Amino acid sequence: MRSTSVLFVCMGNICRSPSADGIFRHRLAAARLTDAVVVDSAGTHSYHLGHAPDERTQAAAERRGYDLSALRARRVEAGDFERFEWIVAMDDANAAELMTRCPAEYRHKIVRLMDFATRHDATEVPDPYYGGAQGFETVLDYIEDGLDGLLAHLEKHA
């Protein structure tokens, strides 16, 4: 696989995008592709800058063998649009926000994670922040599905 870079984006960068970040790093390590893909995550808003992922997010991820504890929330920066080849939004609202901020020549880089999903027909990864524990499990189910498809796409088009 040729080298590439992926930025996962949600609103606050404490639930969905750090989950995608950590799980994708895990998938890349298992596939021995860590050196081929730069991975990061960010939020469209600055609510939680510098914070670790939400405790419920970390607990759900940990139950599946993913460690998100080293990740810290940051906001999408102007340079991210040039730096990353793939800018992967968790939902339509964040994809729209990214399109608004993104210079026209980089808009082709913005995609939705669930566009790569093969096991779920949802178009968005729902925000679990204000919901119950099951929401965090659903988010991980969707993210794992989307990431499997994204990784297959990257490997196929390498």
Protein backbone atom coordinates (compact mmCIF):
# COMPACT_ATOMS: atom_id res chain seq x y z
CA MET A 1 0.00 0.00 0.00
CA ARG A 2 1.30 3.45 -0.86
CA SER A 3 1.43 5.87 2.04
CA THR A 4 -1.60 8.01 2.78
CA SER A 5 -3.13 10.04 5.60
CA VAL A 6 -6.55 9.96 7.22
CA LEU A 7 -8.23 12.50 9.51
CA PHE A 8 -11.42 11.39 11.30
CA VAL A 9 -13.78 14.22 12.24
CA CYS A 10 -16.80 14.60 14.51
CA MET A 11 -18.10 17.57 16.47
CA GLY A 12 -16.15 17.60 19.74
CA ASN A 13 -13.47 14.97 19.10
CA ILE A 14 -14.22 13.05 22.29
CA CYS A 15 -16.54 10.23 21.14
CA ARG A 16 -16.80 9.20 17.51
CA SER A 17 -13.65 10.52 15.82
CA PRO A 18 -11.22 9.38 18.54
CA SER A 19 -12.91 5.97 18.44
CA ALA A 20 -12.32 5.80 14.69
CA ASP A 21 -8.75 7.05 15.20
CA GLY A 22 -7.88 4.44 17.84
CA ILE A 23 -9.65 1.55 16.13
CA PHE A 24 -8.09 2.36 12.76
CA ARG A 25 -4.63 2.46 14.33
CA HIS A 26 -5.38 -0.97 15.84
CA ARG A 27 -6.52 -2.31 12.44
CA LEU A 28 -3.43 -0.88 10.72
CA ALA A 29 -1.12 -2.44 13.31
CA ALA A 30 -2.79 -5.84 12.84
CA ALA A 31 -2.34 -5.50 9.06
CA ARG A 32 1.27 -4.31 9.50
CA LEU A 33 0.42 -1.03 7.76
CA THR A 34 1.20 1.42 10.57
CA ASP A 35 4.07 2.97 8.61
CA ALA A 36 1.90 3.43 5.52
CA VAL A 37 -0.93 5.49 7.00
CA VAL A 38 -0.82 8.64 9.13
CA VAL A 39 -3.93 8.75 11.34
CA ASP A 40 -5.39 11.59 13.41
CA SER A 41 -8.74 12.89 14.58
CA ALA A 42 -10.24 16.31 15.24
CA GLY A 43 -13.50 18.08 15.92
CA THR A 44 -15.31 20.81 14.05
CA HIS A 45 -15.93 22.59 17.37
CA SER A 46 -13.62 23.48 20.24
CA TYR A 47 -15.76 22.34 23.18
CA HIS A 48 -13.25 19.84 24.59
CA LEU A 49 -9.79 20.93 23.44
CA GLY A 50 -7.04 18.91 25.10
CA HIS A 51 -9.46 16.49 26.77
CA ALA A 52 -9.15 12.72 26.62
CA PRO A 53 -12.00 10.84 24.94
CA ASP A 54 -15.25 10.62 26.92
CA GLU A 55 -15.02 8.01 29.71
CA ARG A 56 -17.98 6.09 28.27
CA THR A 57 -16.29 6.04 24.87
CA GLN A 58 -13.06 4.75 26.39
CA ALA A 59 -14.87 2.09 28.42
CA ALA A 60 -16.80 0.79 25.41
CA ALA A 61 -13.63 0.75 23.28
CA GLU A 62 -11.64 -0.97 26.02
CA ARG A 63 -14.21 -3.77 26.22
CA ARG A 64 -13.37 -4.46 22.57
CA GLY A 65 -9.62 -4.27 23.07
CA TYR A 66 -8.99 -0.69 21.91
CA ASP A 67 -7.02 1.79 24.02
CA LEU A 68 -7.98 5.42 23.37
CA SER A 69 -6.41 6.88 26.51
CA ALA A 70 -3.48 8.64 24.78
CA LEU A 71 -5.71 10.61 22.39
CA ARG A 72 -6.55 14.28 23.06
CA ALA A 73 -9.22 16.43 21.46
CA ARG A 74 -8.23 19.09 18.98
CA ARG A 75 -10.08 21.22 16.47
CA VAL A 76 -9.77 20.90 12.70
CA GLU A 77 -7.17 23.42 11.49
CA ALA A 78 -6.91 25.09 8.08
CA GLY A 79 -3.72 23.13 7.32
CA ASP A 80 -5.50 19.81 7.80
CA PHE A 81 -7.27 20.19 4.45
CA GLU A 82 -3.95 20.22 2.62
CA ARG A 83 -2.10 17.80 4.92
CA PHE A 84 -4.57 14.88 4.90
CA GLU A 85 -5.54 12.88 1.81
CA TRP A 86 -8.73 11.57 3.44
CA ILE A 87 -10.94 13.69 5.70
CA VAL A 88 -13.55 11.32 7.06
CA ALA A 89 -16.66 12.84 8.66
CA MET A 90 -18.84 10.89 11.04
CA ASP A 91 -22.10 12.50 9.92
CA ASP A 92 -23.73 14.86 7.45
CA ALA A 93 -23.60 17.91 9.73
CA ASN A 94 -19.84 17.64 10.22
CA ALA A 95 -19.29 16.86 6.53
CA ALA A 96 -21.23 20.04 5.69
CA GLU A 97 -19.22 22.07 8.21
CA LEU A 98 -15.98 20.73 6.71
CA MET A 99 -17.15 21.61 3.19
CA THR A 100 -17.87 25.16 4.35
CA ARG A 101 -14.37 25.59 5.79
CA CYS A 102 -12.46 23.67 3.15
CA PRO A 103 -10.80 25.42 0.21
CA ALA A 104 -12.44 24.30 -3.05
CA GLU A 105 -9.36 22.45 -4.29
CA TYR A 106 -9.45 20.06 -1.32
CA ARG A 107 -13.20 19.35 -1.02
CA HIS A 108 -12.81 16.06 -2.90
CA LYS A 109 -10.98 14.72 0.17
CA ILE A 110 -14.09 14.93 2.41
CA VAL A 111 -16.04 11.68 2.70
CA ARG A 112 -18.39 10.06 5.23
CA LEU A 113 -17.21 6.99 7.11
CA MET A 114 -20.46 5.12 6.56
CA ASP A 115 -20.02 5.40 2.79
CA PHE A 116 -17.50 2.56 3.27
CA ALA A 117 -19.74 0.40 5.49
CA THR A 118 -20.89 -2.98 4.21
CA ARG A 119 -22.77 -4.47 7.18
CA HIS A 120 -24.94 -1.50 8.23
CA ASP A 121 -27.14 0.62 6.01
CA ALA A 122 -26.88 3.76 8.17
CA THR A 123 -25.45 6.83 6.45
CA GLU A 124 -24.15 8.43 9.65
CA VAL A 125 -22.39 7.45 12.86
CA PRO A 126 -24.79 8.87 15.47
CA ASP A 127 -23.49 11.08 18.28
CA PRO A 128 -23.77 9.02 21.49
CA TYR A 129 -22.89 11.87 23.88
CA TYR A 130 -26.38 12.56 25.27
CA GLY A 131 -27.66 9.00 25.08
CA GLY A 132 -27.27 5.81 27.06
CA ALA A 133 -24.62 3.10 27.11
CA GLN A 134 -26.06 1.24 24.10
CA GLY A 135 -25.38 4.27 21.92
CA PHE A 136 -21.65 3.88 22.47
CA GLU A 137 -21.83 0.22 21.43
CA THR A 138 -23.78 1.12 18.29
CA VAL A 139 -21.18 3.77 17.45
CA LEU A 140 -18.41 1.18 17.72
CA ASP A 141 -20.37 -1.29 15.56
CA TYR A 142 -20.78 1.35 12.84
CA ILE A 143 -17.19 2.57 13.11
CA GLU A 144 -15.74 -0.94 12.89
CA ASP A 145 -17.86 -1.58 9.80
CA GLY A 146 -16.90 1.69 8.12
CA LEU A 147 -13.22 1.24 8.95
CA ASP A 148 -13.15 -2.27 7.53
CA GLY A 149 -14.54 -0.87 4.29
CA LEU A 150 -12.17 2.10 4.30
CA LEU A 151 -9.14 -0.12 4.86
CA ALA A 152 -10.25 -2.46 2.06
CA HIS A 153 -10.71 0.57 -0.22
CA LEU A 154 -7.25 1.92 0.61
CA GLU A 155 -5.63 -1.48 0.03
CA LYS A 156 -7.48 -1.99 -3.27
CA HIS A 157 -6.58 1.46 -4.61
CA ALA A 158 -3.00 1.51 -3.35
